Amino acid sequence: MNRSLVGALSALLLGGATLVGAGAAPATAASPAKAPAPVKAPASATVSAKAPKAVDFTGTVALSNCSGSVVRMPGSADSDPALVLSNGHCLESGFPGAGEVIVDQPSSRSFTLLTASGGRAGTVRASKVAYATMTDTDISLYQLTSTYAQIQSSYGIKALQLSDSHPAQGSAINVVSGYWKKIYSCNIDGFAYRLKEGDWTWKDSVRYTSACNTIGGTSGSPVVDPASGKVVAVNNTGNEDGGRCTLNNPCEVDENGTVTVRQGINYAQETYIITKCVTTGNKIDLNLAGCVLPKP
């Protein structure tokens, strides 16, 4: 899911579980030959009347093979155990199969928490994989051993908030990679009814304009709306070589079954659907009214 199949396989052999970073198959953790130079957070123009917020690395984390972020729901309390959002294909246990859903799987994975400028603030650790799948979407949610209040007290870092509404076409976005400490700036070009890559199919995926030319290692990066400062999606793949519906080369399929291949274009998975499936105490409840996340 991001870059090359060779890179994705290398990540698996090293214990990483990322598909493709941000351009083709699920954004993989595969490292390109040379890391891109860090960039300062851009102040993108937006279709909103609100002035854009300065987007930086606050709340983001670096995984061993991917990017991610500490996130909270609109109703999360400071005393709740914090959650880290990344891709399902970034799991340390490997890619979930088509139709597979993981809930409450023990994990002691560690994450490097970043400062606003991309420096190392400290390390946070998971207690479990609260939820993960690559079916319909490509997400993983790790529950941490720390609460939001403890993270803020220890490191001065606030979590990013997930938006509870569908992102808008044309909106300015920033893709914030903790792995590379780089911020990409572009707009939402549109939405893919179905995005198919190898064995996996995702629904209503966000398509970027070409300026967000994400690379391996950007998998799991939060996609932030600078107008609100909220996370609207999680970066996961892109079409690398112009292939049709193959690993690292996702294709779009419309309501009529027509297939479109967009070489060099990258994608993300919407995250507002997650907020419909989390209840008091940051507990995942797949039986909540309005929750459409796949069940085991």
C-alpha atoms as a PDB file:
ATOM      1  CA  MET A   1       0.000   0.000   0.000  1.00  0.00           C
ATOM      2  CA  ASN A   2       2.471   2.569  -0.540  1.00  0.00           C
ATOM      3  CA  ARG A   3       5.372   2.370  -2.762  1.00  0.00           C
ATOM      4  CA  SER A   4       6.735  -0.862  -4.102  1.00  0.00           C
ATOM      5  CA  LEU A   5       5.852  -4.464  -3.486  1.00  0.00           C
ATOM      6  CA  VAL A   6       9.511  -5.125  -2.748  1.00  0.00           C
ATOM      7  CA  GLY A   7       9.391  -2.464  -0.069  1.00  0.00           C
ATOM      8  CA  ALA A   8       6.233  -3.862   1.432  1.00  0.00           C
ATOM      9  CA  LEU A   9       7.718  -7.347   1.562  1.00  0.00           C
ATOM     10  CA  SER A  10      10.880  -5.975   3.132  1.00  0.00           C
ATOM     11  CA  ALA A  11       8.826  -4.286   5.806  1.00  0.00           C
ATOM     12  CA  LEU A  12       7.089  -7.580   6.535  1.00  0.00           C
ATOM     13  CA  LEU A  13      10.402  -9.421   6.792  1.00  0.00           C
ATOM     14  CA  LEU A  14      11.616  -6.808   9.252  1.00  0.00           C
ATOM     15  CA  GLY A  15       8.486  -7.172  11.314  1.00  0.00           C
ATOM     16  CA  GLY A  16       6.743  -4.128   9.863  1.00  0.00           C
ATOM     17  CA  ALA A  17       3.207  -4.408   8.636  1.00  0.00           C
ATOM     18  CA  THR A  18       2.647  -1.562   6.248  1.00  0.00           C
ATOM     19  CA  LEU A  19       1.296  -1.884   2.784  1.00  0.00           C
ATOM     20  CA  VAL A  20       2.027   1.231   0.974  1.00  0.00           C
ATOM     21  CA  GLY A  21       2.675   4.567   2.389  1.00  0.00           C
ATOM     22  CA  ALA A  22       0.653   7.003   0.487  1.00  0.00           C
ATOM     23  CA  GLY A  23       0.459   6.580  -3.105  1.00  0.00           C
ATOM     24  CA  ALA A  24      -0.248   3.164  -4.259  1.00  0.00           C
ATOM     25  CA  ALA A  25      -1.158   0.042  -2.540  1.00  0.00           C
ATOM     26  CA  PRO A  26      -1.657   0.792   1.067  1.00  0.00           C
ATOM     27  CA  ALA A  27       1.020   3.172   2.074  1.00  0.00           C
ATOM     28  CA  THR A  28       3.910   0.945   2.944  1.00  0.00           C
ATOM     29  CA  ALA A  29       6.639   1.406   5.449  1.00  0.00           C
ATOM     30  CA  ALA A  30       9.189   0.728   2.820  1.00  0.00           C
ATOM     31  CA  SER A  31      11.930   3.325   2.967  1.00  0.00           C
ATOM     32  CA  PRO A  32      12.978   5.065  -0.225  1.00  0.00           C
ATOM     33  CA  ALA A  33      16.663   5.437  -0.977  1.00  0.00           C
ATOM     34  CA  LYS A  34      16.787   8.913   0.477  1.00  0.00           C
ATOM     35  CA  ALA A  35      14.607  10.479   3.119  1.00  0.00           C
ATOM     36  CA  PRO A  36      12.915  13.712   2.047  1.00  0.00           C
ATOM     37  CA  ALA A  37      14.058  16.884   3.725  1.00  0.00           C
ATOM     38  CA  PRO A  38      11.781  17.948   6.591  1.00  0.00           C
ATOM     39  CA  VAL A  39       9.505  20.833   5.784  1.00  0.00           C
ATOM     40  CA  LYS A  40       7.777  23.359   7.905  1.00  0.00           C
ATOM     41  CA  ALA A  41       4.052  23.107   8.330  1.00  0.00           C
ATOM     42  CA  PRO A  42       2.349  24.863   5.421  1.00  0.00           C
ATOM     43  CA  ALA A  43      -0.530  27.263   5.750  1.00  0.00           C
ATOM     44  CA  SER A  44      -2.682  26.038   2.877  1.00  0.00           C
ATOM     45  CA  ALA A  45      -5.534  27.960   1.392  1.00  0.00           C
ATOM     46  CA  THR A  46      -8.893  26.391   2.109  1.00  0.00           C
ATOM     47  CA  VAL A  47     -12.363  26.488   0.708  1.00  0.00           C
ATOM     48  CA  SER A  48     -13.591  27.436   4.165  1.00  0.00           C
ATOM     49  CA  ALA A  49     -14.164  31.027   5.192  1.00  0.00           C
ATOM     50  CA  LYS A  50     -12.173  30.339   8.346  1.00  0.00           C
ATOM     51  CA  ALA A  51      -8.498  31.233   8.460  1.00  0.00           C
ATOM     52  CA  PRO A  52      -6.391  28.045   8.254  1.00  0.00           C
ATOM     53  CA  LYS A  53      -4.606  26.877  11.369  1.00  0.00           C
ATOM     54  CA  ALA A  54      -0.865  26.303  11.363  1.00  0.00           C
ATOM     55  CA  VAL A  55      -0.531  22.520  11.082  1.00  0.00           C
ATOM     56  CA  ASP A  56       2.540  21.013  12.732  1.00  0.00           C
ATOM     57  CA  PHE A  57       3.614  17.657  14.188  1.00  0.00           C
ATOM     58  CA  THR A  58       1.798  18.041  17.495  1.00  0.00           C
ATOM     59  CA  GLY A  59       0.021  14.794  18.354  1.00  0.00           C
ATOM     60  CA  THR A  60       1.748  12.740  15.658  1.00  0.00           C
ATOM     61  CA  VAL A  61       3.818   9.622  16.278  1.00  0.00           C
ATOM     62  CA  ALA A  62       6.406   7.588  14.415  1.00  0.00           C
ATOM     63  CA  LEU A  63       6.003   3.813  14.238  1.00  0.00           C
ATOM     64  CA  SER A  64       8.768   1.399  13.299  1.00  0.00           C
ATOM     65  CA  ASN A  65       7.406   1.210   9.761  1.00  0.00           C
ATOM     66  CA  CYS A  66       4.683   3.850   9.453  1.00  0.00           C
ATOM     67  CA  SER A  67       3.238   7.109  10.699  1.00  0.00           C
ATOM     68  CA  GLY A  68       0.352   7.700  13.090  1.00  0.00           C
ATOM     69  CA  SER A  69      -1.237  10.092  15.556  1.00  0.00           C
ATOM     70  CA  VAL A  70      -2.666  10.250  19.061  1.00  0.00           C
ATOM     71  CA  VAL A  71      -6.357  10.954  18.512  1.00  0.00           C
ATOM     72  CA  ARG A  72      -9.455  11.589  20.563  1.00  0.00           C
ATOM     73  CA  MET A  73     -13.132  11.412  19.745  1.00  0.00           C
ATOM     74  CA  PRO A  74     -15.457  14.410  20.101  1.00  0.00           C
ATOM     75  CA  GLY A  75     -16.729  12.892  23.356  1.00  0.00           C
ATOM     76  CA  SER A  76     -13.424  11.624  24.767  1.00  0.00           C
ATOM     77  CA  ALA A  77     -12.516  12.621  28.337  1.00  0.00           C
ATOM     78  CA  ASP A  78      -9.037  13.604  29.498  1.00  0.00           C
ATOM     79  CA  SER A  79      -9.116  10.608  31.838  1.00  0.00           C
ATOM     80  CA  ASP A  80      -9.738   8.136  29.005  1.00  0.00           C
ATOM     81  CA  PRO A  81      -6.936   5.862  27.773  1.00  0.00           C
ATOM     82  CA  ALA A  82      -5.472   7.557  24.706  1.00  0.00           C
ATOM     83  CA  LEU A  83      -5.745   6.057  21.220  1.00  0.00           C
ATOM     84  CA  VAL A  84      -3.190   5.954  18.404  1.00  0.00           C
ATOM     85  CA  LEU A  85      -4.546   5.896  14.842  1.00  0.00           C
ATOM     86  CA  SER A  86      -2.655   4.328  11.940  1.00  0.00           C
ATOM     87  CA  ASN A  87      -3.397   1.902   9.083  1.00  0.00           C
ATOM     88  CA  GLY A  88      -4.507  -1.692   9.344  1.00  0.00           C
ATOM     89  CA  HIS A  89      -1.609  -2.601   7.079  1.00  0.00           C
ATOM     90  CA  CYS A  90       0.795  -1.083   9.596  1.00  0.00           C
ATOM     91  CA  LEU A  91       0.073  -3.711  12.273  1.00  0.00           C
ATOM     92  CA  GLU A  92       3.165  -5.413  13.689  1.00  0.00           C
ATOM     93  CA  SER A  93       1.408  -8.763  13.142  1.00  0.00           C
ATOM     94  CA  GLY A  94       1.104  -8.266   9.372  1.00  0.00           C
ATOM     95  CA  PHE A  95      -1.651  -7.297   6.943  1.00  0.00           C
ATOM     96  CA  PRO A  96      -5.147  -8.395   7.998  1.00  0.00           C
ATOM     97  CA  GLY A  97      -6.725 -10.551   5.323  1.00  0.00           C
ATOM     98  CA  ALA A  98      -9.735  -9.470   3.302  1.00  0.00           C
ATOM     99  CA  GLY A  99     -12.744  -9.783   5.593  1.00  0.00           C
ATOM    100  CA  GLU A 100     -10.614  -9.967   8.754  1.00  0.00           C
ATOM    101  CA  VAL A 101     -11.390  -7.706  11.711  1.00  0.00           C
ATOM    102  CA  ILE A 102      -9.189  -7.561  14.820  1.00  0.00           C
ATOM    103  CA  VAL A 103     -10.510  -6.385  18.195  1.00  0.00           C
ATOM    104  CA  ASP A 104      -8.905  -6.286  21.645  1.00  0.00           C
ATOM    105  CA  GLN A 105      -5.661  -7.962  20.594  1.00  0.00           C
ATOM    106  CA  PRO A 106      -2.884  -7.566  23.211  1.00  0.00           C
ATOM    107  CA  SER A 107      -0.010  -5.361  22.076  1.00  0.00           C
ATOM    108  CA  SER A 108       2.948  -3.677  23.750  1.00  0.00           C
ATOM    109  CA  ARG A 109       3.987  -1.701  20.688  1.00  0.00           C
ATOM    110  CA  SER A 110       5.805   1.565  21.352  1.00  0.00           C
ATOM    111  CA  PHE A 111       5.398   4.857  19.499  1.00  0.00           C
ATOM    112  CA  THR A 112       7.700   7.864  19.343  1.00  0.00           C
ATOM    113  CA  LEU A 113       5.676  10.926  20.276  1.00  0.00           C
ATOM    114  CA  LEU A 114       6.703  14.064  18.391  1.00  0.00           C
ATOM    115  CA  THR A 115       6.864  17.709  19.372  1.00  0.00           C
ATOM    116  CA  ALA A 116       5.359  20.489  17.275  1.00  0.00           C
ATOM    117  CA  SER A 117       8.629  20.860  15.354  1.00  0.00           C
ATOM    118  CA  GLY A 118       9.033  17.116  14.791  1.00  0.00           C
ATOM    119  CA  GLY A 119      11.485  16.472  17.608  1.00  0.00           C
ATOM    120  CA  ARG A 120      11.229  13.505  19.943  1.00  0.00           C
ATOM    121  CA  ALA A 121       9.006  14.267  22.937  1.00  0.00           C
ATOM    122  CA  GLY A 122       9.024  10.773  24.419  1.00  0.00           C
ATOM    123  CA  THR A 123       7.684   7.250  24.051  1.00  0.00           C
ATOM    124  CA  VAL A 124       4.132   6.004  24.581  1.00  0.00           C
ATOM    125  CA  ARG A 125       3.138   2.352  24.649  1.00  0.00           C
ATOM    126  CA  ALA A 126       0.109   0.333  23.629  1.00  0.00           C
ATOM    127  CA  SER A 127      -1.813  -2.054  25.840  1.00  0.00           C
ATOM    128  CA  LYS A 128      -3.800  -3.527  22.953  1.00  0.00           C
ATOM    129  CA  VAL A 129      -5.004  -3.190  19.391  1.00  0.00           C
ATOM    130  CA  ALA A 130      -8.519  -1.974  20.104  1.00  0.00           C
ATOM    131  CA  TYR A 131      -9.594  -2.304  16.472  1.00  0.00           C
ATOM    132  CA  ALA A 132      -7.984  -2.983  13.102  1.00  0.00           C
ATOM    133  CA  THR A 133      -9.074  -4.014   9.634  1.00  0.00           C
ATOM    134  CA  MET A 134      -8.315  -3.643   5.953  1.00  0.00           C
ATOM    135  CA  THR A 135     -11.889  -4.370   4.942  1.00  0.00           C
ATOM    136  CA  ASP A 136     -13.994  -1.388   3.733  1.00  0.00           C
ATOM    137  CA  THR A 137     -11.318   0.858   5.262  1.00  0.00           C
ATOM    138  CA  ASP A 138      -7.667   0.589   6.304  1.00  0.00           C
ATOM    139  CA  ILE A 139      -7.311   1.541   9.960  1.00  0.00           C
ATOM    140  CA  SER A 140      -5.767   0.469  13.223  1.00  0.00           C
ATOM    141  CA  LEU A 141      -6.573   1.920  16.648  1.00  0.00           C
ATOM    142  CA  TYR A 142      -4.159   1.150  19.462  1.00  0.00           C
ATOM    143  CA  GLN A 143      -5.203   1.778  23.066  1.00  0.00           C
ATOM    144  CA  LEU A 144      -2.335   3.199  25.098  1.00  0.00           C
ATOM    145  CA  THR A 145      -1.299   2.617  28.693  1.00  0.00           C
ATOM    146  CA  SER A 146      -1.476   6.408  29.216  1.00  0.00           C
ATOM    147  CA  THR A 147      -4.477   8.720  29.400  1.00  0.00           C
ATOM    148  CA  TYR A 148      -4.724  11.973  27.450  1.00  0.00           C
ATOM    149  CA  ALA A 149      -4.184  13.879  30.701  1.00  0.00           C
ATOM    150  CA  GLN A 150      -1.026  11.907  31.500  1.00  0.00           C
ATOM    151  CA  ILE A 151       0.418  12.503  28.027  1.00  0.00           C
ATOM    152  CA  GLN A 152      -0.250  16.214  28.268  1.00  0.00           C
ATOM    153  CA  SER A 153       1.176  16.391  31.784  1.00  0.00           C
ATOM    154  CA  SER A 154       4.319  14.431  30.894  1.00  0.00           C
ATOM    155  CA  TYR A 155       5.036  15.836  27.442  1.00  0.00           C
ATOM    156  CA  GLY A 156       2.855  18.917  26.981  1.00  0.00           C
ATOM    157  CA  ILE A 157       1.258  17.256  23.934  1.00  0.00           C
ATOM    158  CA  LYS A 158      -2.447  17.395  23.116  1.00  0.00           C
ATOM    159  CA  ALA A 159      -4.134  14.738  21.011  1.00  0.00           C
ATOM    160  CA  LEU A 160      -5.594  15.521  17.614  1.00  0.00           C
ATOM    161  CA  GLN A 161      -9.391  15.382  17.408  1.00  0.00           C
ATOM    162  CA  LEU A 162     -11.218  13.319  14.825  1.00  0.00           C
ATOM    163  CA  SER A 163     -13.841  15.200  12.854  1.00  0.00           C
ATOM    164  CA  ASP A 164     -17.297  13.646  13.116  1.00  0.00           C
ATOM    165  CA  SER A 165     -18.389  14.775   9.650  1.00  0.00           C
ATOM    166  CA  HIS A 166     -17.637  13.704   6.070  1.00  0.00           C
ATOM    167  CA  PRO A 167     -14.785  15.709   4.496  1.00  0.00           C
ATOM    168  CA  ALA A 168     -15.616  18.117   1.678  1.00  0.00           C
ATOM    169  CA  GLN A 169     -14.395  17.967  -1.901  1.00  0.00           C
ATOM    170  CA  GLY A 170     -11.982  20.800  -2.659  1.00  0.00           C
ATOM    171  CA  SER A 171     -10.944  21.277   0.966  1.00  0.00           C
ATOM    172  CA  ALA A 172      -7.318  22.003   1.723  1.00  0.00           C
ATOM    173  CA  ILE A 173      -5.580  19.216   3.644  1.00  0.00           C
ATOM    174  CA  ASN A 174      -2.217  18.480   5.217  1.00  0.00           C
ATOM    175  CA  VAL A 175      -0.837  14.940   5.367  1.00  0.00           C
ATOM    176  CA  VAL A 176       1.457  14.846   8.395  1.00  0.00           C
ATOM    177  CA  SER A 177       4.061  12.067   8.393  1.00  0.00           C
ATOM    178  CA  GLY A 178       5.678  11.321  11.732  1.00  0.00           C
ATOM    179  CA  TYR A 179       7.915   8.700  10.114  1.00  0.00           C
ATOM    180  CA  TRP A 180       9.577  11.189   7.761  1.00  0.00           C
ATOM    181  CA  LYS A 181       8.759  14.343   9.752  1.00  0.00           C
ATOM    182  CA  LYS A 182       7.333  15.860   6.614  1.00  0.00           C
ATOM    183  CA  ILE A 183       4.047  17.650   5.911  1.00  0.00           C
ATOM    184  CA  TYR A 184       2.384  17.442   2.508  1.00  0.00           C
ATOM    185  CA  SER A 185      -0.113  20.080   1.395  1.00  0.00           C
ATOM    186  CA  CYS A 186      -2.807  19.649  -1.249  1.00  0.00           C
ATOM    187  CA  ASN A 187      -6.595  19.444  -1.626  1.00  0.00           C
ATOM    188  CA  ILE A 188      -9.260  16.759  -1.694  1.00  0.00           C
ATOM    189  CA  ASP A 189      -9.765  16.098  -5.388  1.00  0.00           C
ATOM    190  CA  GLY A 190     -12.768  13.852  -4.849  1.00  0.00           C
ATOM    191  CA  PHE A 191     -13.880  10.464  -3.542  1.00  0.00           C
ATOM    192  CA  ALA A 192     -13.530   6.961  -4.949  1.00  0.00           C
ATOM    193  CA  TYR A 193     -16.757   4.962  -4.613  1.00  0.00           C
ATOM    194  CA  ARG A 194     -14.616   1.843  -4.271  1.00  0.00           C
ATOM    195  CA  LEU A 195     -10.833   1.624  -4.191  1.00  0.00           C
ATOM    196  CA  LYS A 196      -9.479  -1.830  -4.954  1.00  0.00           C
ATOM    197  CA  GLU A 197      -5.926  -2.996  -4.317  1.00  0.00           C
ATOM    198  CA  GLY A 198      -5.061  -6.654  -4.569  1.00  0.00           C
ATOM    199  CA  ASP A 199      -7.364  -8.586  -2.233  1.00  0.00           C
ATOM    200  CA  TRP A 200      -8.646  -5.474  -0.458  1.00  0.00           C
ATOM    201  CA  THR A 201     -11.477  -3.080  -1.268  1.00  0.00           C
ATOM    202  CA  TRP A 202     -12.137   0.236   0.508  1.00  0.00           C
ATOM    203  CA  LYS A 203     -15.253   2.365   0.442  1.00  0.00           C
ATOM    204  CA  ASP A 204     -15.586   6.120  -0.204  1.00  0.00           C
ATOM    205  CA  SER A 205     -11.840   6.789  -0.208  1.00  0.00           C
ATOM    206  CA  VAL A 206     -10.380  10.303  -0.281  1.00  0.00           C
ATOM    207  CA  ARG A 207      -8.468  11.107  -3.469  1.00  0.00           C
ATOM    208  CA  TYR A 208      -5.735  13.757  -3.215  1.00  0.00           C
ATOM    209  CA  THR A 209      -4.726  16.295  -5.813  1.00  0.00           C
ATOM    210  CA  SER A 210      -1.273  15.523  -7.220  1.00  0.00           C
ATOM    211  CA  ALA A 211       0.634  17.828  -4.845  1.00  0.00           C
ATOM    212  CA  CYS A 212       0.378  15.210  -2.065  1.00  0.00           C
ATOM    213  CA  ASN A 213       2.925  12.837  -3.588  1.00  0.00           C
ATOM    214  CA  THR A 214       3.308  10.742  -0.463  1.00  0.00           C
ATOM    215  CA  ILE A 215       5.895   7.955  -0.219  1.00  0.00           C
ATOM    216  CA  GLY A 216       6.574   4.747   1.658  1.00  0.00           C
ATOM    217  CA  GLY A 217       6.554   5.333   5.417  1.00  0.00           C
ATOM    218  CA  THR A 218       3.748   7.887   5.246  1.00  0.00           C
ATOM    219  CA  SER A 219       1.181   5.139   5.750  1.00  0.00           C
ATOM    220  CA  GLY A 220      -1.016   5.970   8.727  1.00  0.00           C
ATOM    221  CA  SER A 221      -0.353   9.713   8.605  1.00  0.00           C
ATOM    222  CA  PRO A 222      -3.255  11.839   9.840  1.00  0.00           C
ATOM    223  CA  VAL A 223      -4.910  13.933   7.142  1.00  0.00           C
ATOM    224  CA  VAL A 224      -5.668  17.258   8.812  1.00  0.00           C
ATOM    225  CA  ASP A 225      -8.113  19.943   7.724  1.00  0.00           C
ATOM    226  CA  PRO A 226      -6.212  23.190   8.449  1.00  0.00           C
ATOM    227  CA  ALA A 227      -9.483  25.131   8.718  1.00  0.00           C
ATOM    228  CA  SER A 228     -10.537  23.152  11.803  1.00  0.00           C
ATOM    229  CA  GLY A 229      -7.336  21.471  12.882  1.00  0.00           C
ATOM    230  CA  LYS A 230      -9.208  18.150  12.965  1.00  0.00           C
ATOM    231  CA  VAL A 231      -8.315  14.810  11.415  1.00  0.00           C
ATOM    232  CA  VAL A 232     -10.587  13.927   8.485  1.00  0.00           C
ATOM    233  CA  ALA A 233      -8.793  10.865   7.105  1.00  0.00           C
ATOM    234  CA  VAL A 234      -5.784   8.559   7.438  1.00  0.00           C
ATOM    235  CA  ASN A 235      -3.304   8.289   4.566  1.00  0.00           C
ATOM    236  CA  ASN A 236      -2.979   4.773   3.174  1.00  0.00           C
ATOM    237  CA  THR A 237      -2.065   4.177  -0.477  1.00  0.00           C
ATOM    238  CA  GLY A 238      -1.451   5.349  -4.026  1.00  0.00           C
ATOM    239  CA  ASN A 239      -1.042   4.098  -7.580  1.00  0.00           C
ATOM    240  CA  GLU A 240       2.661   3.813  -8.128  1.00  0.00           C
ATOM    241  CA  ASP A 241       3.226   2.236 -11.527  1.00  0.00           C
ATOM    242  CA  GLY A 242      -0.051   2.622 -13.382  1.00  0.00           C
ATOM    243  CA  GLY A 243      -1.048  -0.984 -12.696  1.00  0.00           C
ATOM    244  CA  ARG A 244      -4.695  -1.991 -12.494  1.00  0.00           C
ATOM    245  CA  CYS A 245      -6.031  -3.004  -9.057  1.00  0.00           C
ATOM    246  CA  THR A 246      -2.778  -4.695  -7.976  1.00  0.00           C
ATOM    247  CA  LEU A 247      -0.629  -4.300  -4.867  1.00  0.00           C
ATOM    248  CA  ASN A 248       0.755  -0.748  -4.799  1.00  0.00           C
ATOM    249  CA  ASN A 249      -1.478   0.092  -7.748  1.00  0.00           C
ATOM    250  CA  PRO A 250      -5.039   0.628  -6.507  1.00  0.00           C
ATOM    251  CA  CYS A 251      -7.787   1.354  -8.993  1.00  0.00           C
ATOM    252  CA  GLU A 252     -11.080   3.187  -8.602  1.00  0.00           C
ATOM    253  CA  VAL A 253     -14.332   1.357  -9.314  1.00  0.00           C
ATOM    254  CA  ASP A 254     -17.538   3.387  -9.695  1.00  0.00           C
ATOM    255  CA  GLU A 255     -21.158   2.404  -9.057  1.00  0.00           C
ATOM    256  CA  ASN A 256     -21.418   0.911 -12.538  1.00  0.00           C
ATOM    257  CA  GLY A 257     -18.261  -1.164 -12.209  1.00  0.00           C
ATOM    258  CA  THR A 258     -16.176   1.106 -14.438  1.00  0.00           C
ATOM    259  CA  VAL A 259     -12.493   0.951 -13.498  1.00  0.00           C
ATOM    260  CA  THR A 260     -10.255   4.035 -13.523  1.00  0.00           C
ATOM    261  CA  VAL A 261      -6.497   3.987 -12.968  1.00  0.00           C
ATOM    262  CA  ARG A 262      -4.778   7.207 -11.852  1.00  0.00           C
ATOM    263  CA  GLN A 263      -1.021   6.699 -11.841  1.00  0.00           C
ATOM    264  CA  GLY A 264       0.814   8.804  -9.278  1.00  0.00           C
ATOM    265  CA  ILE A 265      -2.340   9.710  -7.353  1.00  0.00           C
ATOM    266  CA  ASN A 266      -2.607   8.923  -3.649  1.00  0.00           C
ATOM    267  CA  TYR A 267      -5.498   8.160  -1.315  1.00  0.00           C
ATOM    268  CA  ALA A 268      -6.705   8.149   2.288  1.00  0.00           C
ATOM    269  CA  GLN A 269      -9.504   6.556   4.287  1.00  0.00           C
ATOM    270  CA  GLU A 270     -12.142   8.710   5.978  1.00  0.00           C
ATOM    271  CA  THR A 271     -12.127   8.682   9.768  1.00  0.00           C
ATOM    272  CA  TYR A 272     -15.448  10.262  10.725  1.00  0.00           C
ATOM    273  CA  ILE A 273     -16.941   6.760  10.655  1.00  0.00           C
ATOM    274  CA  ILE A 274     -14.733   5.826  13.625  1.00  0.00           C
ATOM    275  CA  THR A 275     -16.426   8.408  15.852  1.00  0.00           C
ATOM    276  CA  LYS A 276     -19.753   6.607  15.397  1.00  0.00           C
ATOM    277  CA  CYS A 277     -18.310   3.433  16.937  1.00  0.00           C
ATOM    278  CA  VAL A 278     -16.717   4.710  20.156  1.00  0.00           C
ATOM    279  CA  THR A 279     -18.560   5.032  23.427  1.00  0.00           C
ATOM    280  CA  THR A 280     -17.785   6.182  26.992  1.00  0.00           C
ATOM    281  CA  GLY A 281     -14.218   5.509  28.076  1.00  0.00           C
ATOM    282  CA  ASN A 282     -12.995   5.347  24.462  1.00  0.00           C
ATOM    283  CA  LYS A 283     -14.383   1.829  24.151  1.00  0.00           C
ATOM    284  CA  ILE A 284     -15.054   0.467  20.677  1.00  0.00           C
ATOM    285  CA  ASP A 285     -18.691  -0.623  20.345  1.00  0.00           C
ATOM    286  CA  LEU A 286     -19.482  -1.948  16.878  1.00  0.00           C
ATOM    287  CA  ASN A 287     -23.154  -2.304  17.795  1.00  0.00           C
ATOM    288  CA  LEU A 288     -23.751   1.419  18.272  1.00  0.00           C
ATOM    289  CA  ALA A 289     -26.435   2.984  16.082  1.00  0.00           C
ATOM    290  CA  GLY A 290     -24.757   4.505  13.038  1.00  0.00           C
ATOM    291  CA  CYS A 291     -21.582   2.431  13.346  1.00  0.00           C
ATOM    292  CA  VAL A 292     -20.645   0.987   9.955  1.00  0.00           C
ATOM    293  CA  LEU A 293     -17.189  -0.380  10.720  1.00  0.00           C
ATOM    294  CA  PRO A 294     -16.939  -4.070   9.826  1.00  0.00           C
ATOM    295  CA  LYS A 295     -17.479  -6.577  12.633  1.00  0.00           C
ATOM    296  CA  PRO A 296     -15.427  -9.730  13.289  1.00  0.00           C
END
